[in-house]
PDB file of all heavy atoms in Angstrom:
ATOM      1  N   VAL A   1      38.411  33.281 -89.630  1.00  0.00           N
ATOM      2  CA  VAL A   1      39.002  32.456 -90.685  1.00  0.00           C
ATOM      3  C   VAL A   1      37.979  31.458 -91.229  1.00  0.00           C
ATOM      4  O   VAL A   1      37.931  31.205 -92.431  1.00  0.00           O
ATOM      5  CB  VAL A   1      40.272  31.733 -90.170  1.00  0.00           C
ATOM      6  CG1 VAL A   1      40.777  30.720 -91.188  1.00  0.00           C
ATOM      7  CG2 VAL A   1      41.359  32.744 -89.843  1.00  0.00           C
ATOM      8  N   ILE A   2      37.149  30.917 -90.366  1.00  0.00           N
ATOM      9  CA  ILE A   2      36.128  29.968 -90.808  1.00  0.00           C
ATOM     10  C   ILE A   2      35.080  30.658 -91.673  1.00  0.00           C
ATOM     11  O   ILE A   2      34.658  30.121 -92.703  1.00  0.00           O
ATOM     12  CB  ILE A   2      35.459  29.286 -89.593  1.00  0.00           C
ATOM     13  CG1 ILE A   2      36.444  28.330 -88.930  1.00  0.00           C
ATOM     14  CG2 ILE A   2      34.185  28.555 -90.002  1.00  0.00           C
ATOM     15  CD1 ILE A   2      35.963  27.768 -87.607  1.00  0.00           C
ATOM     16  N   GLU A   3      34.653  31.852 -91.279  1.00  0.00           N
ATOM     17  CA  GLU A   3      33.539  32.517 -91.952  1.00  0.00           C
ATOM     18  C   GLU A   3      33.939  33.350 -93.164  1.00  0.00           C
ATOM     19  O   GLU A   3      33.144  33.533 -94.081  1.00  0.00           O
ATOM     20  CB  GLU A   3      32.778  33.387 -90.952  1.00  0.00           C
ATOM     21  CG  GLU A   3      32.072  32.566 -89.896  1.00  0.00           C
ATOM     22  CD  GLU A   3      31.352  33.416 -88.878  1.00  0.00           C
ATOM     23  OE1 GLU A   3      31.507  34.662 -88.884  1.00  0.00           O
ATOM     24  OE2 GLU A   3      30.633  32.827 -88.050  1.00  0.00           O
ATOM     25  N   ASP A   4      35.165  33.866 -93.192  1.00  0.00           N
ATOM     26  CA  ASP A   4      35.605  34.739 -94.285  1.00  0.00           C
ATOM     27  C   ASP A   4      36.287  33.894 -95.362  1.00  0.00           C
ATOM     28  O   ASP A   4      37.453  33.557 -95.275  1.00  0.00           O
ATOM     29  CB  ASP A   4      36.568  35.797 -93.740  1.00  0.00           C
ATOM     30  CG  ASP A   4      36.977  36.840 -94.769  1.00  0.00           C
ATOM     31  OD1 ASP A   4      36.939  36.553 -95.980  1.00  0.00           O
ATOM     32  OD2 ASP A   4      37.354  37.954 -94.349  1.00  0.00           O
ATOM     33  N   GLU A   5      35.520  33.547 -96.400  1.00  0.00           N
ATOM     34  CA  GLU A   5      36.022  32.679 -97.461  1.00  0.00           C
ATOM     35  C   GLU A   5      37.239  33.268 -98.171  1.00  0.00           C
ATOM     36  O   GLU A   5      38.171  32.539 -98.517  1.00  0.00           O
ATOM     37  CB  GLU A   5      34.920  32.370 -98.476  1.00  0.00           C
ATOM     38  CG  GLU A   5      33.808  31.488 -97.940  1.00  0.00           C
ATOM     39  CD  GLU A   5      34.266  30.088 -97.577  1.00  0.00           C
ATOM     40  OE1 GLU A   5      35.168  29.557 -98.262  1.00  0.00           O
ATOM     41  OE2 GLU A   5      33.733  29.527 -96.594  1.00  0.00           O
ATOM     42  N   ASN A   6      37.226  34.579 -98.401  1.00  0.00           N
ATOM     43  CA  ASN A   6      38.366  35.212 -99.075  1.00  0.00           C
ATOM     44  C   ASN A   6      39.624  35.102 -98.225  1.00  0.00           C
ATOM     45  O   ASN A   6      40.708  34.788 -98.746  1.00  0.00           O
ATOM     46  CB  ASN A   6      38.077  36.682 -99.388  1.00  0.00           C
ATOM     47  CG  ASN A   6      37.087  36.837-100.515  1.00  0.00           C
ATOM     48  OD1 ASN A   6      37.007  35.999-101.402  1.00  0.00           O
ATOM     49  ND2 ASN A   6      36.320  37.919-100.479  1.00  0.00           N
ATOM     50  N   LEU A   7      39.500  35.369 -96.942  1.00  0.00           N
ATOM     51  CA  LEU A   7      40.634  35.259 -96.035  1.00  0.00           C
ATOM     52  C   LEU A   7      41.131  33.816 -96.002  1.00  0.00           C
ATOM     53  O   LEU A   7      42.342  33.560 -96.104  1.00  0.00           O
ATOM     54  CB  LEU A   7      40.251  35.719 -94.623  1.00  0.00           C
ATOM     55  CG  LEU A   7      41.307  35.547 -93.542  1.00  0.00           C
ATOM     56  CD1 LEU A   7      42.574  36.331 -93.872  1.00  0.00           C
ATOM     57  CD2 LEU A   7      40.746  35.962 -92.191  1.00  0.00           C
ATOM     58  N   LYS A   8      40.205  32.882 -95.858  1.00  0.00           N
ATOM     59  CA  LYS A   8      40.572  31.469 -95.804  1.00  0.00           C
ATOM     60  C   LYS A   8      41.306  31.047 -97.071  1.00  0.00           C
ATOM     61  O   LYS A   8      42.370  30.421 -97.012  1.00  0.00           O
ATOM     62  CB  LYS A   8      39.326  30.606 -95.610  1.00  0.00           C
ATOM     63  CG  LYS A   8      39.631  29.146 -95.457  1.00  0.00           C
ATOM     64  CD  LYS A   8      38.438  28.221 -95.258  1.00  0.00           C
ATOM     65  CE  LYS A   8      37.106  28.840 -95.153  1.00  0.00           C
ATOM     66  NZ  LYS A   8      36.013  27.888 -94.950  1.00  0.00           N
ATOM     67  N   ASP A   9      40.775  31.400 -98.238  1.00  0.00           N
ATOM     68  CA  ASP A   9      41.411  31.044 -99.510  1.00  0.00           C
ATOM     69  C   ASP A   9      42.793  31.681 -99.652  1.00  0.00           C
ATOM     70  O   ASP A   9      43.732  31.040-100.131  1.00  0.00           O
ATOM     71  CB  ASP A   9      40.521  31.450-100.692  1.00  0.00           C
ATOM     72  CG  ASP A   9      39.260  30.616-100.789  1.00  0.00           C
ATOM     73  OD1 ASP A   9      39.215  29.521-100.185  1.00  0.00           O
ATOM     74  OD2 ASP A   9      38.319  31.060-101.471  1.00  0.00           O
ATOM     75  N   THR A  10      42.913  32.935 -99.217  1.00  0.00           N
ATOM     76  CA  THR A  10      44.202  33.627 -99.278  1.00  0.00           C
ATOM     77  C   THR A  10      45.236  32.925 -98.402  1.00  0.00           C
ATOM     78  O   THR A  10      46.368  32.691 -98.829  1.00  0.00           O
ATOM     79  CB  THR A  10      44.054  35.095 -98.843  1.00  0.00           C
ATOM     80  OG1 THR A  10      43.169  35.759 -99.746  1.00  0.00           O
ATOM     81  CG2 THR A  10      45.390  35.813 -98.814  1.00  0.00           C
ATOM     82  N   LEU A  11      44.842  32.557 -97.188  1.00  0.00           N
ATOM     83  CA  LEU A  11      45.764  31.875 -96.279  1.00  0.00           C
ATOM     84  C   LEU A  11      46.163  30.505 -96.818  1.00  0.00           C
ATOM     85  O   LEU A  11      47.331  30.103 -96.708  1.00  0.00           O
ATOM     86  CB  LEU A  11      45.144  31.739 -94.888  1.00  0.00           C
ATOM     87  CG  LEU A  11      44.936  33.045 -94.119  1.00  0.00           C
ATOM     88  CD1 LEU A  11      44.183  32.773 -92.815  1.00  0.00           C
ATOM     89  CD2 LEU A  11      46.254  33.741 -93.848  1.00  0.00           C
ATOM     90  N   ILE A  12      45.226  29.804 -97.420  1.00  0.00           N
ATOM     91  CA  ILE A  12      45.530  28.492 -98.004  1.00  0.00           C
ATOM     92  C   ILE A  12      46.546  28.634 -99.128  1.00  0.00           C
ATOM     93  O   ILE A  12      47.545  27.904 -99.182  1.00  0.00           O
ATOM     94  CB  ILE A  12      44.245  27.800 -98.497  1.00  0.00           C
ATOM     95  CG1 ILE A  12      43.395  27.368 -97.296  1.00  0.00           C
ATOM     96  CG2 ILE A  12      44.580  26.608 -99.399  1.00  0.00           C
ATOM     97  CD1 ILE A  12      41.993  26.900 -97.669  1.00  0.00           C
ATOM     98  N   GLN A  13      46.324  29.583-100.021  1.00  0.00           N
ATOM     99  CA  GLN A  13      47.247  29.780-101.143  1.00  0.00           C
ATOM    100  C   GLN A  13      48.631  30.201-100.653  1.00  0.00           C
ATOM    101  O   GLN A  13      49.652  29.712-101.138  1.00  0.00           O
ATOM    102  CB  GLN A  13      46.685  30.812-102.125  1.00  0.00           C
ATOM    103  CG  GLN A  13      45.468  30.328-102.876  1.00  0.00           C
ATOM    104  CD  GLN A  13      45.711  28.996-103.580  1.00  0.00           C
ATOM    105  OE1 GLN A  13      46.699  28.811-104.267  1.00  0.00           O
ATOM    106  NE2 GLN A  13      44.794  28.066-103.386  1.00  0.00           N
ATOM    107  N   LYS A  14      48.677  31.107 -99.685  1.00  0.00           N
ATOM    108  CA  LYS A  14      49.964  31.523 -99.136  1.00  0.00           C
ATOM    109  C   LYS A  14      50.653  30.364 -98.424  1.00  0.00           C
ATOM    110  O   LYS A  14      51.880  30.243 -98.459  1.00  0.00           O
ATOM    111  CB  LYS A  14      49.781  32.703 -98.181  1.00  0.00           C
ATOM    112  CG  LYS A  14      49.450  33.995 -98.897  1.00  0.00           C
ATOM    113  CD  LYS A  14      49.311  35.139 -97.921  1.00  0.00           C
ATOM    114  CE  LYS A  14      49.043  36.444 -98.670  1.00  0.00           C
ATOM    115  NZ  LYS A  14      48.993  37.586 -97.750  1.00  0.00           N
ATOM    116  N   GLY A  15      49.873  29.504 -97.807  1.00  0.00           N
ATOM    117  CA  GLY A  15      50.426  28.323 -97.150  1.00  0.00           C
ATOM    118  C   GLY A  15      51.073  27.377 -98.149  1.00  0.00           C
ATOM    119  O   GLY A  15      52.159  26.837 -97.904  1.00  0.00           O
ATOM    120  N   PHE A  16      50.412  27.160 -99.287  1.00  0.00           N
ATOM    121  CA  PHE A  16      50.980  26.303-100.329  1.00  0.00           C
ATOM    122  C   PHE A  16      52.292  26.875-100.855  1.00  0.00           C
ATOM    123  O   PHE A  16      53.236  26.123-101.132  1.00  0.00           O
ATOM    124  CB  PHE A  16      49.999  26.110-101.486  1.00  0.00           C
ATOM    125  CG  PHE A  16      48.890  25.142-101.189  1.00  0.00           C
ATOM    126  CD1 PHE A  16      47.584  25.461-101.503  1.00  0.00           C
ATOM    127  CD2 PHE A  16      49.136  23.904-100.614  1.00  0.00           C
ATOM    128  CE1 PHE A  16      46.553  24.576-101.244  1.00  0.00           C
ATOM    129  CE2 PHE A  16      48.111  23.013-100.347  1.00  0.00           C
ATOM    130  CZ  PHE A  16      46.816  23.348-100.660  1.00  0.00           C
ATOM    131  N   LEU A  17      52.379  28.196-100.972  1.00  0.00           N
ATOM    132  CA  LEU A  17      53.625  28.822-101.409  1.00  0.00           C
ATOM    133  C   LEU A  17      54.698  28.726-100.324  1.00  0.00           C
ATOM    134  O   LEU A  17      55.867  28.456-100.602  1.00  0.00           O
ATOM    135  CB  LEU A  17      53.387  30.285-101.791  1.00  0.00           C
ATOM    136  CG  LEU A  17      52.514  30.535-103.008  1.00  0.00           C
ATOM    137  CD1 LEU A  17      52.230  32.027-103.165  1.00  0.00           C
ATOM    138  CD2 LEU A  17      53.171  29.973-104.262  1.00  0.00           C
ATOM    139  N   ARG A  18      54.296  28.933 -99.092  1.00  0.00           N
ATOM    140  CA  ARG A  18      55.242  28.943 -97.972  1.00  0.00           C
ATOM    141  C   ARG A  18      55.878  27.572 -97.754  1.00  0.00           C
ATOM    142  O   ARG A  18      57.063  27.464 -97.449  1.00  0.00           O
ATOM    143  CB  ARG A  18      54.500  29.394 -96.706  1.00  0.00           C
ATOM    144  CG  ARG A  18      55.380  29.581 -95.517  1.00  0.00           C
ATOM    145  CD  ARG A  18      56.144  30.874 -95.599  1.00  0.00           C
ATOM    146  NE  ARG A  18      56.993  30.999 -94.426  1.00  0.00           N
ATOM    147  CZ  ARG A  18      58.265  31.311 -94.466  1.00  0.00           C
ATOM    148  NH1 ARG A  18      58.855  31.572 -95.603  1.00  0.00           N
ATOM    149  NH2 ARG A  18      58.969  31.380 -93.366  1.00  0.00           N
ATOM    150  N   VAL A  19      55.101  26.527 -97.914  1.00  0.00           N
ATOM    151  CA  VAL A  19      55.593  25.173 -97.650  1.00  0.00           C
ATOM    152  C   VAL A  19      56.730  24.784 -98.591  1.00  0.00           C
ATOM    153  O   VAL A  19      57.564  23.939 -98.252  1.00  0.00           O
ATOM    154  CB  VAL A  19      54.430  24.148 -97.711  1.00  0.00           C
ATOM    155  CG1 VAL A  19      54.021  23.860 -99.141  1.00  0.00           C
ATOM    156  CG2 VAL A  19      54.790  22.864 -96.997  1.00  0.00           C
ATOM    157  N   LYS A  20      56.837  25.436 -99.716  1.00  0.00           N
ATOM    158  CA  LYS A  20      57.907  25.151-100.668  1.00  0.00           C
ATOM    159  C   LYS A  20      59.276  25.548-100.119  1.00  0.00           C
ATOM    160  O   LYS A  20      60.299  25.109-100.628  1.00  0.00           O
ATOM    161  CB  LYS A  20      57.650  25.867-101.997  1.00  0.00           C
ATOM    162  CG  LYS A  20      56.447  25.323-102.733  1.00  0.00           C
ATOM    163  CD  LYS A  20      56.204  26.089-104.016  1.00  0.00           C
ATOM    164  CE  LYS A  20      54.943  25.571-104.706  1.00  0.00           C
ATOM    165  NZ  LYS A  20      54.676  26.305-105.940  1.00  0.00           N
ATOM    166  N   ASN A  21      59.295  26.379 -99.074  1.00  0.00           N
ATOM    167  CA  ASN A  21      60.551  26.811 -98.457  1.00  0.00           C
ATOM    168  C   ASN A  21      61.118  25.789 -97.481  1.00  0.00           C
ATOM    169  O   ASN A  21      62.199  25.992 -96.940  1.00  0.00           O
ATOM    170  CB  ASN A  21      60.353  28.135 -97.713  1.00  0.00           C
ATOM    171  CG  ASN A  21      60.042  29.272 -98.644  1.00  0.00           C
ATOM    172  OD1 ASN A  21      60.663  29.397 -99.693  1.00  0.00           O
ATOM    173  ND2 ASN A  21      59.086  30.091 -98.278  1.00  0.00           N
ATOM    174  N   PHE A  22      60.400  24.702 -97.240  1.00  0.00           N
ATOM    175  CA  PHE A  22      60.806  23.746 -96.224  1.00  0.00           C
ATOM    176  C   PHE A  22      60.876  22.335 -96.801  1.00  0.00           C
ATOM    177  O   PHE A  22      60.108  21.984 -97.677  1.00  0.00           O
ATOM    178  CB  PHE A  22      59.811  23.761 -95.054  1.00  0.00           C
ATOM    179  CG  PHE A  22      59.646  25.113 -94.437  1.00  0.00           C
ATOM    180  CD1 PHE A  22      58.603  25.942 -94.819  1.00  0.00           C
ATOM    181  CD2 PHE A  22      60.551  25.569 -93.495  1.00  0.00           C
ATOM    182  CE1 PHE A  22      58.461  27.209 -94.266  1.00  0.00           C
ATOM    183  CE2 PHE A  22      60.411  26.825 -92.937  1.00  0.00           C
ATOM    184  CZ  PHE A  22      59.363  27.643 -93.313  1.00  0.00           C
ATOM    185  N   SER A  23      61.825  21.567 -96.299  1.00  0.00           N
ATOM    186  CA  SER A  23      61.916  20.147 -96.666  1.00  0.00           C
ATOM    187  C   SER A  23      62.647  19.421 -95.540  1.00  0.00           C
ATOM    188  O   SER A  23      63.397  20.035 -94.768  1.00  0.00           O
ATOM    189  CB  SER A  23      62.675  19.958 -97.978  1.00  0.00           C
ATOM    190  OG  SER A  23      64.063  20.179 -97.795  1.00  0.00           O
ATOM    191  N   TRP A  24      62.438  18.111 -95.451  1.00  0.00           N
ATOM    192  CA  TRP A  24      63.127  17.325 -94.438  1.00  0.00           C
ATOM    193  C   TRP A  24      64.623  17.330 -94.701  1.00  0.00           C
ATOM    194  O   TRP A  24      65.428  17.386 -93.768  1.00  0.00           O
ATOM    195  CB  TRP A  24      62.581  15.895 -94.397  1.00  0.00           C
ATOM    196  CG  TRP A  24      61.252  15.825 -93.751  1.00  0.00           C
ATOM    197  CD1 TRP A  24      60.059  15.548 -94.354  1.00  0.00           C
ATOM    198  CD2 TRP A  24      60.943  16.068 -92.370  1.00  0.00           C
ATOM    199  NE1 TRP A  24      59.036  15.597 -93.440  1.00  0.00           N
ATOM    200  CE2 TRP A  24      59.554  15.912 -92.208  1.00  0.00           C
ATOM    201  CE3 TRP A  24      61.707  16.389 -91.251  1.00  0.00           C
ATOM    202  CZ2 TRP A  24      58.919  16.070 -90.994  1.00  0.00           C
ATOM    203  CZ3 TRP A  24      61.069  16.545 -90.030  1.00  0.00           C
ATOM    204  CH2 TRP A  24      59.694  16.389 -89.911  1.00  0.00           C
TER     205      TRP A  24
END
């Protein structure tokens, strides 16, 4: 994950989308 920039960027973008499913 640290070395593969494409993988890292993909996970970050998916994380930003995923977080929208949760709220306090």
